């Protein structure tokens, strides 16, 4: 009797989704606060558009640079710890062997049962180092282009998010009317964005959408009130 093959599907794009969430969340709230605050101070949509575009440009660069530097720091930290583990495996193998034994014991593997694993590691130092990096330090090897990809993803997501609340001001001369449309578009974008985020991350899409709408809406409202007070 033929058996149906077991196929596991796991989501592997968590890093990119995280970067998109960071960029989109800030892109939807910060430019909205600026444009909404200006709407109460000026009546010319052109001024709001100019200020909004300037903020989106500056914000996307700052956010993207922050993502790049964070990714670069992760890569540098991994390289530093890797060099240290490689040195310790060579210079103090007894201590490293004891650490492996303790790690395996946390999974219910006795010292006698772990001896076979230790023998294999002694023959293959690279596997040994990789084991220590993952299970002792909890570090995964970053992709070579992780820093650049993270920076670009966050920056682009910020631009996309920022253009949504700003869009009505391109087509409406009255800032108050544009503000109403901007509020509606921002809330819809938060709901849709949260729903898709839930689908990709495995969370309940509707619940994720509502949570994102509430949290993002509160953040946008707080930012708007601050901008309103300042203006």
Protein backbone atom coordinates (compact mmCIF):
# COMPACT_ATOMS: atom_id res chain seq x y z
CA UNK A 1 0.00 0.00 0.00
CA UNK A 2 1.61 3.32 -1.08
CA UNK A 3 2.22 5.77 1.71
CA UNK A 4 1.63 9.47 1.37
CA UNK A 5 4.99 11.21 1.85
CA UNK A 6 5.23 13.41 4.91
CA UNK A 7 6.15 16.92 3.84
CA UNK A 8 6.85 19.54 6.47
CA UNK A 9 6.48 23.18 5.60
CA UNK A 10 8.23 25.66 7.83
CA UNK A 11 8.38 29.40 7.51
CA UNK A 12 11.98 30.47 6.92
CA UNK A 13 11.64 34.19 6.18
CA UNK A 14 11.36 35.44 9.75
CA UNK A 15 14.27 37.87 9.42
CA UNK A 16 12.81 39.57 6.35
CA UNK A 17 9.33 39.69 7.87
CA UNK A 18 10.82 41.28 10.99
CA UNK A 19 12.53 43.94 8.88
CA UNK A 20 9.34 44.64 6.93
CA UNK A 21 7.37 44.95 10.16
CA UNK A 22 9.93 47.41 11.55
CA UNK A 23 9.98 49.54 8.41
CA UNK A 24 6.24 49.49 7.70
CA UNK A 25 5.23 50.16 11.30
CA UNK A 26 7.38 53.26 11.57
CA UNK A 27 6.56 54.30 8.01
CA UNK A 28 2.84 54.26 8.71
CA UNK A 29 2.97 56.09 12.04
CA UNK A 30 5.71 58.72 11.89
CA UNK A 31 4.85 60.35 8.52
CA UNK A 32 1.16 60.18 9.46
CA UNK A 33 1.86 62.10 12.66
CA UNK A 34 3.83 64.73 10.77
CA UNK A 35 1.28 65.24 7.99
CA UNK A 36 -1.65 65.19 10.43
CA UNK A 37 0.05 67.70 12.69
CA UNK A 38 0.82 70.02 9.77
CA UNK A 39 -2.76 69.74 8.53
CA UNK A 40 -3.93 71.68 11.55
CA UNK A 41 -1.31 74.38 11.07
CA UNK A 42 -1.33 75.01 7.30
CA UNK A 43 -3.98 74.95 4.59
CA UNK A 44 -1.71 74.15 1.63
CA UNK A 45 -1.39 70.49 0.73
CA UNK A 46 1.82 71.27 -1.18
CA UNK A 47 3.55 72.20 2.08
CA UNK A 48 2.39 68.98 3.73
CA UNK A 49 3.54 66.93 0.74
CA UNK A 50 6.97 68.59 0.70
CA UNK A 51 7.47 68.08 4.42
CA UNK A 52 6.13 64.54 4.24
CA UNK A 53 8.44 63.53 1.40
CA UNK A 54 11.41 65.05 3.20
CA UNK A 55 10.55 63.10 6.34
CA UNK A 56 10.10 59.84 4.41
CA UNK A 57 13.46 60.31 2.70
CA UNK A 58 15.26 61.09 5.95
CA UNK A 59 13.42 58.41 7.91
CA UNK A 60 14.04 55.66 5.36
CA UNK A 61 17.76 56.47 5.26
CA UNK A 62 18.02 56.53 9.05
CA UNK A 63 16.01 53.32 9.50
CA UNK A 64 17.86 51.55 6.70
CA UNK A 65 21.23 52.58 8.08
CA UNK A 66 20.17 51.37 11.51
CA UNK A 67 19.18 47.99 10.06
CA UNK A 68 22.48 47.74 8.19
CA UNK A 69 24.56 48.56 11.27
CA UNK A 70 22.57 46.10 13.39
CA UNK A 71 23.16 43.34 10.84
CA UNK A 72 26.84 44.26 10.61
CA UNK A 73 27.16 44.12 14.40
CA UNK A 74 25.56 40.66 14.46
CA UNK A 75 28.03 39.44 11.83
CA UNK A 76 31.01 40.91 13.68
CA UNK A 77 29.85 39.39 16.96
CA UNK A 78 29.43 35.97 15.36
CA UNK A 79 32.89 36.14 13.78
CA UNK A 80 34.46 37.11 17.11
CA UNK A 81 32.76 34.27 19.01
CA UNK A 82 33.60 31.82 16.24
CA UNK A 83 37.29 32.64 16.47
CA UNK A 84 37.17 32.24 20.25
CA UNK A 85 35.46 28.83 20.05
CA UNK A 86 37.93 27.62 17.42
CA UNK A 87 40.79 28.62 19.69
CA UNK A 88 39.27 26.96 22.76
CA UNK A 89 38.62 23.69 20.93
CA UNK A 90 42.33 23.56 20.10
CA UNK A 91 43.82 24.87 23.35
CA UNK A 92 41.44 23.58 26.05
CA UNK A 93 39.66 20.56 24.55
CA UNK A 94 39.02 19.04 27.99
CA UNK A 95 36.97 22.04 29.12
CA UNK A 96 35.06 22.15 25.85
CA UNK A 97 34.35 18.41 26.12
CA UNK A 98 32.91 18.94 29.59
CA UNK A 99 30.71 21.73 28.25
CA UNK A 100 29.37 19.48 25.48
CA UNK A 101 28.56 16.81 28.05
CA UNK A 102 26.64 19.32 30.18
CA UNK A 103 24.70 20.56 27.16
CA UNK A 104 23.73 17.04 26.14
CA UNK A 105 22.67 16.26 29.70
CA UNK A 106 20.10 19.06 29.50
CA UNK A 107 18.47 16.97 26.75
CA UNK A 108 18.44 13.86 28.95
CA UNK A 109 21.56 12.28 27.43
CA UNK A 110 23.87 10.72 30.00
CA UNK A 111 27.67 11.00 29.99
CA UNK A 112 27.99 7.41 28.76
CA UNK A 113 25.47 7.95 25.96
CA UNK A 114 27.17 11.14 24.83
CA UNK A 115 30.56 9.49 24.42
CA UNK A 116 29.84 8.50 20.80
CA UNK A 117 28.93 12.09 19.95
CA UNK A 118 32.10 13.35 21.62
CA UNK A 119 34.23 10.91 19.64
CA UNK A 120 32.76 12.21 16.39
CA UNK A 121 33.35 15.83 17.43
CA UNK A 122 36.98 15.12 18.29
CA UNK A 123 37.46 13.79 14.78
CA UNK A 124 35.67 16.74 13.19
CA UNK A 125 36.60 19.99 14.99
CA UNK A 126 34.47 22.08 12.61
CA UNK A 127 31.34 20.20 13.68
CA UNK A 128 32.40 20.64 17.28
CA UNK A 129 32.75 24.40 16.89
CA UNK A 130 29.42 24.63 15.10
CA UNK A 131 27.74 22.68 17.91
CA UNK A 132 29.17 25.05 20.53
CA UNK A 133 28.14 28.13 18.56
CA UNK A 134 24.58 26.93 18.25
CA UNK A 135 23.90 25.15 21.53
CA UNK A 136 26.23 26.92 23.96
CA UNK A 137 26.03 30.47 22.63
CA UNK A 138 22.72 30.30 20.75
CA UNK A 139 24.23 31.90 17.64
CA UNK A 140 23.30 31.09 14.06
CA UNK A 141 25.68 31.94 11.25
CA UNK A 142 24.36 35.11 9.56
CA UNK A 143 24.06 35.20 5.81
CA UNK A 144 26.83 37.03 4.04
CA UNK A 145 24.52 39.75 2.72
CA UNK A 146 22.31 39.95 5.80
CA UNK A 147 23.32 43.49 6.80
CA UNK A 148 22.73 44.98 3.35
CA UNK A 149 19.49 43.06 2.83
CA UNK A 150 18.18 44.16 6.22
CA UNK A 151 19.01 47.80 5.60
CA UNK A 152 17.40 47.86 2.16
CA UNK A 153 14.30 45.96 3.34
CA UNK A 154 13.68 48.28 6.28
CA UNK A 155 14.31 51.40 4.19
CA UNK A 156 12.02 50.35 1.34
CA UNK A 157 9.30 49.21 3.76
CA UNK A 158 9.49 52.59 5.47
CA UNK A 159 9.02 54.39 2.14
CA UNK A 160 6.03 52.22 1.20
CA UNK A 161 4.45 52.71 4.60
CA UNK A 162 5.12 56.44 4.61
CA UNK A 163 3.56 57.07 1.21
CA UNK A 164 0.21 55.62 2.32
CA UNK A 165 -0.81 58.38 4.78
CA UNK A 166 0.75 61.00 2.51
CA UNK A 167 -1.03 59.90 -0.68
CA UNK A 168 -4.30 61.84 -0.18
CA UNK A 169 -2.41 65.12 -0.01
CA UNK A 170 -1.25 64.63 -3.62
CA UNK A 171 -4.84 64.73 -4.88
CA UNK A 172 -6.66 67.01 -2.42
CA UNK A 173 -5.96 70.70 -2.01
CA UNK A 174 -7.78 71.00 1.31
CA UNK A 175 -5.61 69.64 4.09
CA UNK A 176 -8.54 68.84 6.39
CA UNK A 177 -10.22 66.72 3.71
CA UNK A 178 -6.91 65.00 2.95
CA UNK A 179 -6.46 64.30 6.65
CA UNK A 180 -9.73 62.35 6.79
CA UNK A 181 -8.69 60.22 3.84
CA UNK A 182 -5.22 59.80 5.35
CA UNK A 183 -6.68 58.49 8.61
CA UNK A 184 -8.85 56.01 6.73
CA UNK A 185 -6.05 54.78 4.50
CA UNK A 186 -3.66 54.40 7.44
CA UNK A 187 -6.15 52.34 9.44
CA UNK A 188 -6.95 50.13 6.45
CA UNK A 189 -3.24 49.68 5.74
CA UNK A 190 -2.59 48.65 9.34
CA UNK A 191 -5.39 46.08 9.19
CA UNK A 192 -4.28 44.63 5.85
CA UNK A 193 -0.62 44.66 6.84
CA UNK A 194 -1.34 42.87 10.11
CA UNK A 195 -3.47 40.26 8.35
CA UNK A 196 -0.76 39.42 5.83
CA UNK A 197 1.84 39.40 8.61
CA UNK A 198 -0.25 36.80 10.42
CA UNK A 199 -0.50 34.62 7.31
CA UNK A 200 3.26 34.63 6.81
CA UNK A 201 4.19 34.07 10.45
CA UNK A 202 1.62 31.38 11.17
CA UNK A 203 -0.50 33.49 13.54
CA UNK A 204 -4.27 33.82 13.13
CA UNK A 205 -4.56 36.38 10.28
CA UNK A 206 -7.68 38.15 11.53
CA UNK A 207 -6.39 38.36 15.08
CA UNK A 208 -3.01 39.60 13.88
CA UNK A 209 -4.72 42.22 11.71
CA UNK A 210 -6.87 43.52 14.56
CA UNK A 211 -3.89 43.61 16.94
CA UNK A 212 -1.81 45.53 14.41
CA UNK A 213 -4.70 47.92 13.78
CA UNK A 214 -5.17 48.64 17.49
CA UNK A 215 -1.48 48.95 18.36
CA UNK A 216 -0.59 50.92 15.24
CA UNK A 217 -3.68 53.09 15.62
CA UNK A 218 -2.79 53.94 19.21
CA UNK A 219 0.80 54.70 18.22
CA UNK A 220 -0.33 56.90 15.33
CA UNK A 221 -2.83 58.71 17.59
CA UNK A 222 -0.20 59.35 20.25
CA UNK A 223 2.26 60.61 17.65
CA UNK A 224 -0.44 62.84 16.12
CA UNK A 225 -1.38 64.36 19.48
CA UNK A 226 2.29 65.10 20.24
CA UNK A 227 2.76 66.72 16.82
CA UNK A 228 -0.49 68.68 17.32
CA UNK A 229 0.67 70.03 20.68
CA UNK A 230 4.07 71.00 19.30
CA UNK A 231 2.59 72.71 16.22
